[in-house]
């Protein structure tokens, strides 16, 4: 059954007005400096693509050096980065588009070559990509990282971002804690599903407290590990409910413990099944992504009630004018 709501309809989230439901999702550009600073190339990348979208979510930004994923990843680890982040926000705001930023810790997906120290993780299980064995985090380490997520969120506000997204997908640290594949702990942060989600929930609560009640907090949820013995959609529905209970305003659904596009997934909208399952479990807006290329498909996702917002990533990368063309085509088709 189709909704009356369409892709072109506005949406308000905690007072944040989105003129339509097209989202430029977080996608690593590797255009920052080697110390994580905003560059003019990075600003141009967003300025060129964000016209006509309802919301931009800036790519994953590392909150501390041990959690850095790539050499030219954007950073949000220190106040020295505020000037560049503010210039990025200003450039997007000039186009009348709100902008969020995704904050992240790579965990075992970091490498010592990049972060210059031994990577950390819930358990000392070698990373599939690098082969490195991470150091198991202590409880004290975990508490420190929770605080660093909060500090990063506070910096986002200082820089002028309209919302903050916590990265809990694609095999990064928060996803590692939730997954039984990568979390073999026997303390209060491991074991059953409630214990495994404890750390992500603490991060969410800290970020919500730091930004205050008027700023939306998004959470990118890895809703299915897509690996035998891993996190399933049923598990993630419980996590999503708990995140909302801790003040999260939007669930941004993705999947795959080993990256943003598991190789066995093909076709347009390959995460829509997960998004629909999460949307049935929560009473907040849900974003879906995953190979969405056409305006008609994106519009149908919203009209069918699969998701409230649609992230269009690779299509925007290949065609920076995708959103403008989508808006025009949908308007013309409705006369």
C-alpha atoms as a PDB file:
ATOM      1  CA  UNK A   1       0.000   0.000   0.000  1.00  0.00           C
ATOM      2  CA  UNK A   2       1.389   3.378  -1.033  1.00  0.00           C
ATOM      3  CA  UNK A   3       1.819   6.327   1.321  1.00  0.00           C
ATOM      4  CA  UNK A   4       0.715   9.845   0.452  1.00  0.00           C
ATOM      5  CA  UNK A   5       4.259  10.914   1.361  1.00  0.00           C
ATOM      6  CA  UNK A   6       6.817  11.091  -1.461  1.00  0.00           C
ATOM      7  CA  UNK A   7      10.555  11.631  -1.914  1.00  0.00           C
ATOM      8  CA  UNK A   8       9.967  15.334  -2.550  1.00  0.00           C
ATOM      9  CA  UNK A   9       7.992  15.969   0.622  1.00  0.00           C
ATOM     10  CA  UNK A  10       9.709  17.741   3.526  1.00  0.00           C
ATOM     11  CA  UNK A  11      10.507  16.139   6.854  1.00  0.00           C
ATOM     12  CA  UNK A  12      11.240  17.676  10.228  1.00  0.00           C
ATOM     13  CA  UNK A  13      13.462  15.877  12.741  1.00  0.00           C
ATOM     14  CA  UNK A  14      13.700  17.484  16.175  1.00  0.00           C
ATOM     15  CA  UNK A  15      13.202  20.916  14.665  1.00  0.00           C
ATOM     16  CA  UNK A  16      15.622  20.292  11.775  1.00  0.00           C
ATOM     17  CA  UNK A  17      13.791  20.986   8.511  1.00  0.00           C
ATOM     18  CA  UNK A  18      14.651  18.893   5.446  1.00  0.00           C
ATOM     19  CA  UNK A  19      13.167  20.221   2.211  1.00  0.00           C
ATOM     20  CA  UNK A  20      13.001  16.716   0.716  1.00  0.00           C
ATOM     21  CA  UNK A  21      13.966  13.154   1.634  1.00  0.00           C
ATOM     22  CA  UNK A  22      17.089  12.767  -0.496  1.00  0.00           C
ATOM     23  CA  UNK A  23      20.204  12.270   1.624  1.00  0.00           C
ATOM     24  CA  UNK A  24      23.814  12.490   0.525  1.00  0.00           C
ATOM     25  CA  UNK A  25      25.085   9.703   2.789  1.00  0.00           C
ATOM     26  CA  UNK A  26      28.528   9.527   4.390  1.00  0.00           C
ATOM     27  CA  UNK A  27      31.079   8.287   1.843  1.00  0.00           C
ATOM     28  CA  UNK A  28      34.817   8.381   2.379  1.00  0.00           C
ATOM     29  CA  UNK A  29      36.417  10.783  -0.101  1.00  0.00           C
ATOM     30  CA  UNK A  30      40.051  10.620   1.104  1.00  0.00           C
ATOM     31  CA  UNK A  31      40.267  14.347   0.366  1.00  0.00           C
ATOM     32  CA  UNK A  32      41.282  15.519   3.838  1.00  0.00           C
ATOM     33  CA  UNK A  33      44.887  16.304   4.700  1.00  0.00           C
ATOM     34  CA  UNK A  34      47.041  13.577   6.244  1.00  0.00           C
ATOM     35  CA  UNK A  35      46.371  15.136   9.652  1.00  0.00           C
ATOM     36  CA  UNK A  36      42.602  15.002   9.069  1.00  0.00           C
ATOM     37  CA  UNK A  37      42.055  18.656   8.188  1.00  0.00           C
ATOM     38  CA  UNK A  38      39.412  19.923   5.794  1.00  0.00           C
ATOM     39  CA  UNK A  39      40.868  20.866   2.395  1.00  0.00           C
ATOM     40  CA  UNK A  40      39.458  23.011  -0.396  1.00  0.00           C
ATOM     41  CA  UNK A  41      39.135  19.857  -2.495  1.00  0.00           C
ATOM     42  CA  UNK A  42      36.930  18.299   0.172  1.00  0.00           C
ATOM     43  CA  UNK A  43      34.759  21.427   0.401  1.00  0.00           C
ATOM     44  CA  UNK A  44      34.385  21.471  -3.396  1.00  0.00           C
ATOM     45  CA  UNK A  45      33.418  17.775  -3.330  1.00  0.00           C
ATOM     46  CA  UNK A  46      30.420  18.505  -1.095  1.00  0.00           C
ATOM     47  CA  UNK A  47      29.533  21.855  -2.626  1.00  0.00           C
ATOM     48  CA  UNK A  48      29.315  20.256  -6.052  1.00  0.00           C
ATOM     49  CA  UNK A  49      26.991  17.430  -4.988  1.00  0.00           C
ATOM     50  CA  UNK A  50      24.731  18.739  -2.251  1.00  0.00           C
ATOM     51  CA  UNK A  51      22.552  21.120  -4.239  1.00  0.00           C
ATOM     52  CA  UNK A  52      18.913  19.937  -4.153  1.00  0.00           C
ATOM     53  CA  UNK A  53      19.384  17.247  -1.496  1.00  0.00           C
ATOM     54  CA  UNK A  54      17.459  17.406   1.758  1.00  0.00           C
ATOM     55  CA  UNK A  55      20.449  16.558   3.963  1.00  0.00           C
ATOM     56  CA  UNK A  56      24.191  16.000   3.704  1.00  0.00           C
ATOM     57  CA  UNK A  57      25.912  13.606   6.109  1.00  0.00           C
ATOM     58  CA  UNK A  58      29.648  14.256   5.948  1.00  0.00           C
ATOM     59  CA  UNK A  59      31.904  11.205   5.778  1.00  0.00           C
ATOM     60  CA  UNK A  60      33.187   9.255   8.767  1.00  0.00           C
ATOM     61  CA  UNK A  61      35.584  11.330  10.858  1.00  0.00           C
ATOM     62  CA  UNK A  62      37.964   9.808  13.379  1.00  0.00           C
ATOM     63  CA  UNK A  63      37.595  10.767  17.023  1.00  0.00           C
ATOM     64  CA  UNK A  64      41.091   9.684  18.145  1.00  0.00           C
ATOM     65  CA  UNK A  65      44.288   8.609  16.420  1.00  0.00           C
ATOM     66  CA  UNK A  66      44.070   4.894  17.246  1.00  0.00           C
ATOM     67  CA  UNK A  67      40.712   4.820  15.455  1.00  0.00           C
ATOM     68  CA  UNK A  68      41.941   6.336  12.194  1.00  0.00           C
ATOM     69  CA  UNK A  69      41.037   4.168   9.204  1.00  0.00           C
ATOM     70  CA  UNK A  70      42.804   5.735   6.218  1.00  0.00           C
ATOM     71  CA  UNK A  71      45.669   8.142   5.605  1.00  0.00           C
ATOM     72  CA  UNK A  72      43.531  11.030   4.335  1.00  0.00           C
ATOM     73  CA  UNK A  73      40.454  10.398   6.455  1.00  0.00           C
ATOM     74  CA  UNK A  74      38.675  13.446   7.843  1.00  0.00           C
ATOM     75  CA  UNK A  75      39.287  14.059  11.542  1.00  0.00           C
ATOM     76  CA  UNK A  76      37.283  15.491  14.426  1.00  0.00           C
ATOM     77  CA  UNK A  77      39.705  14.561  17.207  1.00  0.00           C
ATOM     78  CA  UNK A  78      40.810  18.054  18.259  1.00  0.00           C
ATOM     79  CA  UNK A  79      39.798  21.706  18.426  1.00  0.00           C
ATOM     80  CA  UNK A  80      42.547  22.530  15.919  1.00  0.00           C
ATOM     81  CA  UNK A  81      40.222  21.110  13.245  1.00  0.00           C
ATOM     82  CA  UNK A  82      37.306  23.432  14.009  1.00  0.00           C
ATOM     83  CA  UNK A  83      38.192  26.175  11.537  1.00  0.00           C
ATOM     84  CA  UNK A  84      38.181  23.825   8.565  1.00  0.00           C
ATOM     85  CA  UNK A  85      35.046  22.013   9.703  1.00  0.00           C
ATOM     86  CA  UNK A  86      33.288  25.375  10.101  1.00  0.00           C
ATOM     87  CA  UNK A  87      34.250  26.342   6.537  1.00  0.00           C
ATOM     88  CA  UNK A  88      32.789  23.066   5.280  1.00  0.00           C
ATOM     89  CA  UNK A  89      29.528  23.693   7.133  1.00  0.00           C
ATOM     90  CA  UNK A  90      29.348  27.246   5.802  1.00  0.00           C
ATOM     91  CA  UNK A  91      29.810  26.070   2.211  1.00  0.00           C
ATOM     92  CA  UNK A  92      26.904  23.616   2.487  1.00  0.00           C
ATOM     93  CA  UNK A  93      24.671  26.055   4.377  1.00  0.00           C
ATOM     94  CA  UNK A  94      25.137  28.646   1.616  1.00  0.00           C
ATOM     95  CA  UNK A  95      23.229  26.248  -0.629  1.00  0.00           C
ATOM     96  CA  UNK A  96      20.390  26.116   1.919  1.00  0.00           C
ATOM     97  CA  UNK A  97      21.107  22.497   2.858  1.00  0.00           C
ATOM     98  CA  UNK A  98      21.466  21.201   6.444  1.00  0.00           C
ATOM     99  CA  UNK A  99      24.550  19.150   7.210  1.00  0.00           C
ATOM    100  CA  UNK A 100      25.426  16.424   9.713  1.00  0.00           C
ATOM    101  CA  UNK A 101      28.767  14.727  10.330  1.00  0.00           C
ATOM    102  CA  UNK A 102      29.480  11.074  11.035  1.00  0.00           C
ATOM    103  CA  UNK A 103      31.860  10.343  13.922  1.00  0.00           C
ATOM    104  CA  UNK A 104      33.731   7.057  14.077  1.00  0.00           C
ATOM    105  CA  UNK A 105      36.374   4.817  15.603  1.00  0.00           C
ATOM    106  CA  UNK A 106      37.676   2.117  13.265  1.00  0.00           C
ATOM    107  CA  UNK A 107      38.601  -0.389  15.978  1.00  0.00           C
ATOM    108  CA  UNK A 108      40.312  -3.449  14.522  1.00  0.00           C
ATOM    109  CA  UNK A 109      39.757  -2.137  10.983  1.00  0.00           C
ATOM    110  CA  UNK A 110      42.432   0.467  11.656  1.00  0.00           C
ATOM    111  CA  UNK A 111      46.006  -0.503  10.824  1.00  0.00           C
ATOM    112  CA  UNK A 112      49.248   0.279  12.596  1.00  0.00           C
ATOM    113  CA  UNK A 113      50.607   1.702   9.327  1.00  0.00           C
ATOM    114  CA  UNK A 114      47.938   4.412   9.408  1.00  0.00           C
ATOM    115  CA  UNK A 115      47.278   5.052  13.094  1.00  0.00           C
ATOM    116  CA  UNK A 116      50.906   4.445  14.173  1.00  0.00           C
ATOM    117  CA  UNK A 117      49.909   2.195  17.065  1.00  0.00           C
ATOM    118  CA  UNK A 118      48.398  -1.241  17.609  1.00  0.00           C
ATOM    119  CA  UNK A 119      44.703  -1.207  16.697  1.00  0.00           C
ATOM    120  CA  UNK A 120      42.167  -1.896  19.445  1.00  0.00           C
ATOM    121  CA  UNK A 121      38.994  -3.978  19.516  1.00  0.00           C
ATOM    122  CA  UNK A 122      36.558  -5.714  21.856  1.00  0.00           C
ATOM    123  CA  UNK A 123      38.581  -8.933  21.499  1.00  0.00           C
ATOM    124  CA  UNK A 124      42.041  -9.811  20.103  1.00  0.00           C
ATOM    125  CA  UNK A 125      40.758 -11.376  16.891  1.00  0.00           C
ATOM    126  CA  UNK A 126      42.846 -10.697  13.748  1.00  0.00           C
ATOM    127  CA  UNK A 127      41.295  -8.344  11.219  1.00  0.00           C
ATOM    128  CA  UNK A 128      40.212  -9.969   7.961  1.00  0.00           C
ATOM    129  CA  UNK A 129      41.751  -7.251   5.768  1.00  0.00           C
ATOM    130  CA  UNK A 130      45.025  -6.369   7.502  1.00  0.00           C
ATOM    131  CA  UNK A 131      45.673  -9.611   9.363  1.00  0.00           C
ATOM    132  CA  UNK A 132      46.746  -7.597  12.409  1.00  0.00           C
ATOM    133  CA  UNK A 133      45.729  -8.753  15.873  1.00  0.00           C
ATOM    134  CA  UNK A 134      44.267  -5.850  17.850  1.00  0.00           C
ATOM    135  CA  UNK A 135      44.728  -5.158  21.529  1.00  0.00           C
ATOM    136  CA  UNK A 136      41.681  -5.951  23.653  1.00  0.00           C
ATOM    137  CA  UNK A 137      40.203  -2.807  25.156  1.00  0.00           C
ATOM    138  CA  UNK A 138      40.079  -2.526  28.934  1.00  0.00           C
ATOM    139  CA  UNK A 139      37.016  -1.160  30.703  1.00  0.00           C
ATOM    140  CA  UNK A 140      38.993   2.025  31.337  1.00  0.00           C
ATOM    141  CA  UNK A 141      39.759   2.274  27.609  1.00  0.00           C
ATOM    142  CA  UNK A 142      36.083   1.871  26.791  1.00  0.00           C
ATOM    143  CA  UNK A 143      35.086   4.651  29.177  1.00  0.00           C
ATOM    144  CA  UNK A 144      37.705   6.920  27.590  1.00  0.00           C
ATOM    145  CA  UNK A 145      36.408   6.235  24.084  1.00  0.00           C
ATOM    146  CA  UNK A 146      32.847   6.986  25.195  1.00  0.00           C
ATOM    147  CA  UNK A 147      34.064  10.398  26.391  1.00  0.00           C
ATOM    148  CA  UNK A 148      35.919  10.977  23.116  1.00  0.00           C
ATOM    149  CA  UNK A 149      32.743  10.334  21.127  1.00  0.00           C
ATOM    150  CA  UNK A 150      31.068  12.952  23.303  1.00  0.00           C
ATOM    151  CA  UNK A 151      33.910  15.414  22.747  1.00  0.00           C
ATOM    152  CA  UNK A 152      33.705  14.871  18.991  1.00  0.00           C
ATOM    153  CA  UNK A 153      29.964  15.571  19.072  1.00  0.00           C
ATOM    154  CA  UNK A 154      30.603  18.759  21.019  1.00  0.00           C
ATOM    155  CA  UNK A 155      33.118  19.862  18.369  1.00  0.00           C
ATOM    156  CA  UNK A 156      30.554  19.162  15.661  1.00  0.00           C
ATOM    157  CA  UNK A 157      28.191  21.592  17.357  1.00  0.00           C
ATOM    158  CA  UNK A 158      30.924  24.222  17.691  1.00  0.00           C
ATOM    159  CA  UNK A 159      31.634  23.897  13.981  1.00  0.00           C
ATOM    160  CA  UNK A 160      27.949  24.509  13.200  1.00  0.00           C
ATOM    161  CA  UNK A 161      26.762  21.063  12.138  1.00  0.00           C
ATOM    162  CA  UNK A 162      22.999  20.574  12.379  1.00  0.00           C
ATOM    163  CA  UNK A 163      23.167  16.941  13.503  1.00  0.00           C
ATOM    164  CA  UNK A 164      25.633  14.221  14.466  1.00  0.00           C
ATOM    165  CA  UNK A 165      25.700  10.635  13.221  1.00  0.00           C
ATOM    166  CA  UNK A 166      27.406   7.846  15.189  1.00  0.00           C
ATOM    167  CA  UNK A 167      28.934   5.158  12.970  1.00  0.00           C
ATOM    168  CA  UNK A 168      27.870   1.725  14.177  1.00  0.00           C
ATOM    169  CA  UNK A 169      28.156  -0.236  10.931  1.00  0.00           C
ATOM    170  CA  UNK A 170      30.592  -1.693   8.365  1.00  0.00           C
ATOM    171  CA  UNK A 171      32.689  -3.598  10.865  1.00  0.00           C
ATOM    172  CA  UNK A 172      33.966  -0.526  12.707  1.00  0.00           C
ATOM    173  CA  UNK A 173      34.362  -0.441  16.487  1.00  0.00           C
ATOM    174  CA  UNK A 174      30.744  -0.121  17.634  1.00  0.00           C
ATOM    175  CA  UNK A 175      29.676  -2.786  15.133  1.00  0.00           C
ATOM    176  CA  UNK A 176      32.500  -4.995  16.435  1.00  0.00           C
ATOM    177  CA  UNK A 177      31.094  -4.808  19.953  1.00  0.00           C
ATOM    178  CA  UNK A 178      27.588  -5.752  18.815  1.00  0.00           C
ATOM    179  CA  UNK A 179      28.678  -8.693  16.671  1.00  0.00           C
ATOM    180  CA  UNK A 180      29.212 -12.120  18.267  1.00  0.00           C
ATOM    181  CA  UNK A 181      31.852 -12.758  15.589  1.00  0.00           C
ATOM    182  CA  UNK A 182      34.186 -10.017  16.826  1.00  0.00           C
ATOM    183  CA  UNK A 183      33.147  -9.721  20.480  1.00  0.00           C
ATOM    184  CA  UNK A 184      34.246 -12.673  22.626  1.00  0.00           C
ATOM    185  CA  UNK A 185      34.445 -10.772  25.910  1.00  0.00           C
ATOM    186  CA  UNK A 186      33.296 -12.270  29.201  1.00  0.00           C
ATOM    187  CA  UNK A 187      32.817  -9.005  31.123  1.00  0.00           C
ATOM    188  CA  UNK A 188      29.824  -6.644  31.113  1.00  0.00           C
ATOM    189  CA  UNK A 189      30.610  -5.616  27.512  1.00  0.00           C
ATOM    190  CA  UNK A 190      30.406  -9.128  26.055  1.00  0.00           C
ATOM    191  CA  UNK A 191      28.407 -12.325  26.167  1.00  0.00           C
ATOM    192  CA  UNK A 192      24.695 -11.996  25.480  1.00  0.00           C
ATOM    193  CA  UNK A 193      23.213  -9.452  23.072  1.00  0.00           C
ATOM    194  CA  UNK A 194      22.319  -6.972  25.812  1.00  0.00           C
ATOM    195  CA  UNK A 195      25.897  -6.918  27.080  1.00  0.00           C
ATOM    196  CA  UNK A 196      27.346  -6.612  23.572  1.00  0.00           C
ATOM    197  CA  UNK A 197      25.212  -3.556  22.849  1.00  0.00           C
ATOM    198  CA  UNK A 198      26.156  -1.863  26.145  1.00  0.00           C
ATOM    199  CA  UNK A 199      29.108   0.113  24.735  1.00  0.00           C
ATOM    200  CA  UNK A 200      27.220   1.496  21.687  1.00  0.00           C
ATOM    201  CA  UNK A 201      24.342   2.490  23.967  1.00  0.00           C
ATOM    202  CA  UNK A 202      26.759   4.283  26.295  1.00  0.00           C
ATOM    203  CA  UNK A 203      28.211   6.140  23.304  1.00  0.00           C
ATOM    204  CA  UNK A 204      24.735   7.135  22.125  1.00  0.00           C
ATOM    205  CA  UNK A 205      23.756   8.380  25.578  1.00  0.00           C
ATOM    206  CA  UNK A 206      26.988  10.391  25.871  1.00  0.00           C
ATOM    207  CA  UNK A 207      26.536  12.023  22.470  1.00  0.00           C
ATOM    208  CA  UNK A 208      22.888  12.846  23.164  1.00  0.00           C
ATOM    209  CA  UNK A 209      23.866  14.435  26.471  1.00  0.00           C
ATOM    210  CA  UNK A 210      26.639  16.489  24.856  1.00  0.00           C
ATOM    211  CA  UNK A 211      24.558  17.901  22.001  1.00  0.00           C
ATOM    212  CA  UNK A 212      21.419  18.577  24.017  1.00  0.00           C
ATOM    213  CA  UNK A 213      17.775  17.893  23.378  1.00  0.00           C
ATOM    214  CA  UNK A 214      17.420  20.158  20.324  1.00  0.00           C
ATOM    215  CA  UNK A 215      20.056  18.529  18.084  1.00  0.00           C
ATOM    216  CA  UNK A 216      19.210  15.271  16.285  1.00  0.00           C
ATOM    217  CA  UNK A 217      21.532  12.321  16.827  1.00  0.00           C
ATOM    218  CA  UNK A 218      21.612   9.744  14.029  1.00  0.00           C
ATOM    219  CA  UNK A 219      23.000   6.223  14.364  1.00  0.00           C
ATOM    220  CA  UNK A 220      24.260   4.230  11.398  1.00  0.00           C
ATOM    221  CA  UNK A 221      23.286   0.701  12.276  1.00  0.00           C
ATOM    222  CA  UNK A 222      24.855  -2.394  10.788  1.00  0.00           C
ATOM    223  CA  UNK A 223      21.599  -4.313  10.772  1.00  0.00           C
ATOM    224  CA  UNK A 224      22.966  -7.647   9.528  1.00  0.00           C
ATOM    225  CA  UNK A 225      26.570  -8.918   9.558  1.00  0.00           C
ATOM    226  CA  UNK A 226      25.762 -11.076   6.527  1.00  0.00           C
ATOM    227  CA  UNK A 227      28.128 -13.726   7.840  1.00  0.00           C
ATOM    228  CA  UNK A 228      27.363 -17.100   9.474  1.00  0.00           C
ATOM    229  CA  UNK A 229      27.067 -16.722  13.237  1.00  0.00           C
ATOM    230  CA  UNK A 230      26.876 -12.953  12.997  1.00  0.00           C
ATOM    231  CA  UNK A 231      24.431 -10.245  13.959  1.00  0.00           C
ATOM    232  CA  UNK A 232      20.979 -10.663  12.383  1.00  0.00           C
ATOM    233  CA  UNK A 233      18.084  -8.341  11.642  1.00  0.00           C
ATOM    234  CA  UNK A 234      16.209  -9.672  14.677  1.00  0.00           C
ATOM    235  CA  UNK A 235      19.178  -8.737  16.877  1.00  0.00           C
ATOM    236  CA  UNK A 236      19.376  -5.301  15.309  1.00  0.00           C
ATOM    237  CA  UNK A 237      15.699  -4.556  15.823  1.00  0.00           C
ATOM    238  CA  UNK A 238      16.367  -4.850  19.565  1.00  0.00           C
ATOM    239  CA  UNK A 239      19.455  -2.652  19.269  1.00  0.00           C
ATOM    240  CA  UNK A 240      17.500  -0.025  17.331  1.00  0.00           C
ATOM    241  CA  UNK A 241      14.776   0.092  19.981  1.00  0.00           C
ATOM    242  CA  UNK A 242      17.389   0.537  22.707  1.00  0.00           C
ATOM    243  CA  UNK A 243      19.159   3.283  20.758  1.00  0.00           C
ATOM    244  CA  UNK A 244      15.906   5.188  20.393  1.00  0.00           C
ATOM    245  CA  UNK A 245      15.341   4.697  24.116  1.00  0.00           C
ATOM    246  CA  UNK A 246      18.715   6.369  24.675  1.00  0.00           C
ATOM    247  CA  UNK A 247      17.727   9.428  22.665  1.00  0.00           C
ATOM    248  CA  UNK A 248      18.714   8.584  19.077  1.00  0.00           C
ATOM    249  CA  UNK A 249      16.472  10.476  16.629  1.00  0.00           C
ATOM    250  CA  UNK A 250      17.165   8.692  13.322  1.00  0.00           C
ATOM    251  CA  UNK A 251      18.338   5.171  12.427  1.00  0.00           C
ATOM    252  CA  UNK A 252      20.477   5.047   9.269  1.00  0.00           C
ATOM    253  CA  UNK A 253      20.378   1.420   8.126  1.00  0.00           C
ATOM    254  CA  UNK A 254      23.263  -0.380   6.460  1.00  0.00           C
ATOM    255  CA  UNK A 255      24.812  -3.831   6.714  1.00  0.00           C
ATOM    256  CA  UNK A 256      27.848  -6.060   6.314  1.00  0.00           C
ATOM    257  CA  UNK A 257      30.545  -6.665   8.909  1.00  0.00           C
ATOM    258  CA  UNK A 258      33.331  -6.362   6.332  1.00  0.00           C
ATOM    259  CA  UNK A 259      32.364  -3.159   4.557  1.00  0.00           C
ATOM    260  CA  UNK A 260      29.544  -1.075   3.140  1.00  0.00           C
ATOM    261  CA  UNK A 261      28.844  -3.336   0.158  1.00  0.00           C
ATOM    262  CA  UNK A 262      29.028  -7.074   0.779  1.00  0.00           C
ATOM    263  CA  UNK A 263      29.991  -8.761  -2.520  1.00  0.00           C
ATOM    264  CA  UNK A 264      26.921 -11.008  -2.612  1.00  0.00           C
ATOM    265  CA  UNK A 265      24.526  -8.045  -2.774  1.00  0.00           C
ATOM    266  CA  UNK A 266      23.445  -6.805  -6.175  1.00  0.00           C
ATOM    267  CA  UNK A 267      20.646  -4.729  -7.615  1.00  0.00           C
ATOM    268  CA  UNK A 268      19.081  -1.445  -6.637  1.00  0.00           C
ATOM    269  CA  UNK A 269      18.196  -0.895  -2.993  1.00  0.00           C
ATOM    270  CA  UNK A 270      19.902  -3.958  -1.545  1.00  0.00           C
ATOM    271  CA  UNK A 271      19.485  -2.739   2.056  1.00  0.00           C
ATOM    272  CA  UNK A 272      15.771  -1.903   1.781  1.00  0.00           C
ATOM    273  CA  UNK A 273      14.769  -5.222   3.381  1.00  0.00           C
ATOM    274  CA  UNK A 274      16.814  -4.321   6.443  1.00  0.00           C
ATOM    275  CA  UNK A 275      15.475  -0.767   6.554  1.00  0.00           C
ATOM    276  CA  UNK A 276      11.889  -1.975   6.388  1.00  0.00           C
ATOM    277  CA  UNK A 277      12.534  -4.411   9.234  1.00  0.00           C
ATOM    278  CA  UNK A 278      14.048  -1.695  11.413  1.00  0.00           C
ATOM    279  CA  UNK A 279      11.311   0.803  10.552  1.00  0.00           C
ATOM    280  CA  UNK A 280       8.697  -1.667  11.801  1.00  0.00           C
ATOM    281  CA  UNK A 281      10.479  -1.761  15.170  1.00  0.00           C
ATOM    282  CA  UNK A 282      10.999   1.954  15.901  1.00  0.00           C
ATOM    283  CA  UNK A 283       8.983   5.150  15.924  1.00  0.00           C
ATOM    284  CA  UNK A 284      11.678   7.445  14.499  1.00  0.00           C
ATOM    285  CA  UNK A 285      12.678   8.166  10.890  1.00  0.00           C
ATOM    286  CA  UNK A 286      14.746   5.519   9.106  1.00  0.00           C
ATOM    287  CA  UNK A 287      17.246   6.040   6.279  1.00  0.00           C
ATOM    288  CA  UNK A 288      17.945   3.381   3.674  1.00  0.00           C
ATOM    289  CA  UNK A 289      20.858   3.230   1.230  1.00  0.00           C
ATOM    290  CA  UNK A 290      22.395   0.586  -1.001  1.00  0.00           C
ATOM    291  CA  UNK A 291      22.883   0.972  -4.741  1.00  0.00           C
ATOM    292  CA  UNK A 292      19.924   3.311  -5.268  1.00  0.00           C
ATOM    293  CA  UNK A 293      20.373   4.848  -8.712  1.00  0.00           C
ATOM    294  CA  UNK A 294      17.021   6.115  -9.986  1.00  0.00           C
ATOM    295  CA  UNK A 295      14.617   8.769  -8.777  1.00  0.00           C
ATOM    296  CA  UNK A 296      11.648   6.488  -9.424  1.00  0.00           C
ATOM    297  CA  UNK A 297      13.034   3.729  -7.186  1.00  0.00           C
ATOM    298  CA  UNK A 298      13.910   6.213  -4.416  1.00  0.00           C
ATOM    299  CA  UNK A 299      10.412   7.680  -4.584  1.00  0.00           C
ATOM    300  CA  UNK A 300       8.815   4.227  -4.390  1.00  0.00           C
ATOM    301  CA  UNK A 301      10.863   3.408  -1.283  1.00  0.00           C
ATOM    302  CA  UNK A 302       9.299   6.366   0.520  1.00  0.00           C
ATOM    303  CA  UNK A 303       5.805   5.858  -0.925  1.00  0.00           C
ATOM    304  CA  UNK A 304       5.784   2.177   0.096  1.00  0.00           C
ATOM    305  CA  UNK A 305       6.791   3.073   3.650  1.00  0.00           C
ATOM    306  CA  UNK A 306      10.060   1.136   3.466  1.00  0.00           C
ATOM    307  CA  UNK A 307      12.014   4.131   4.774  1.00  0.00           C
ATOM    308  CA  UNK A 308      11.503   7.810   5.506  1.00  0.00           C
ATOM    309  CA  UNK A 309      14.716   9.045   3.887  1.00  0.00           C
ATOM    310  CA  UNK A 310      16.803   7.694   1.006  1.00  0.00           C
ATOM    311  CA  UNK A 311      20.579   7.876   0.845  1.00  0.00           C
ATOM    312  CA  UNK A 312      21.950   8.107  -2.682  1.00  0.00           C
ATOM    313  CA  UNK A 313      25.698   7.562  -2.656  1.00  0.00           C
ATOM    314  CA  UNK A 314      27.447   6.155  -5.709  1.00  0.00           C
ATOM    315  CA  UNK A 315      24.964   7.768  -8.083  1.00  0.00           C
ATOM    316  CA  UNK A 316      25.834  11.183  -6.618  1.00  0.00           C
ATOM    317  CA  UNK A 317      29.534  10.409  -6.836  1.00  0.00           C
ATOM    318  CA  UNK A 318      29.299   9.586 -10.538  1.00  0.00           C
ATOM    319  CA  UNK A 319      26.797  12.366 -11.338  1.00  0.00           C
ATOM    320  CA  UNK A 320      27.012  15.395  -9.006  1.00  0.00           C
ATOM    321  CA  UNK A 321      23.762  16.734 -10.519  1.00  0.00           C
ATOM    322  CA  UNK A 322      21.783  13.576  -9.681  1.00  0.00           C
ATOM    323  CA  UNK A 323      19.596  15.226  -7.031  1.00  0.00           C
ATOM    324  CA  UNK A 324      18.680  18.193  -9.222  1.00  0.00           C
ATOM    325  CA  UNK A 325      17.762  15.873 -12.077  1.00  0.00           C
ATOM    326  CA  UNK A 326      15.757  13.635  -9.728  1.00  0.00           C
ATOM    327  CA  UNK A 327      13.731  16.531  -8.364  1.00  0.00           C
ATOM    328  CA  UNK A 328      13.039  17.836 -11.868  1.00  0.00           C
ATOM    329  CA  UNK A 329      12.023  14.438 -13.245  1.00  0.00           C
ATOM    330  CA  UNK A 330       9.654  13.650 -10.376  1.00  0.00           C
ATOM    331  CA  UNK A 331       8.040  17.089 -10.548  1.00  0.00           C
ATOM    332  CA  UNK A 332       7.549  16.880 -14.306  1.00  0.00           C
ATOM    333  CA  UNK A 333       6.075  13.372 -14.076  1.00  0.00           C
ATOM    334  CA  UNK A 334       3.396  14.703 -11.734  1.00  0.00           C
ATOM    335  CA  UNK A 335       2.488  17.538 -14.030  1.00  0.00           C
END
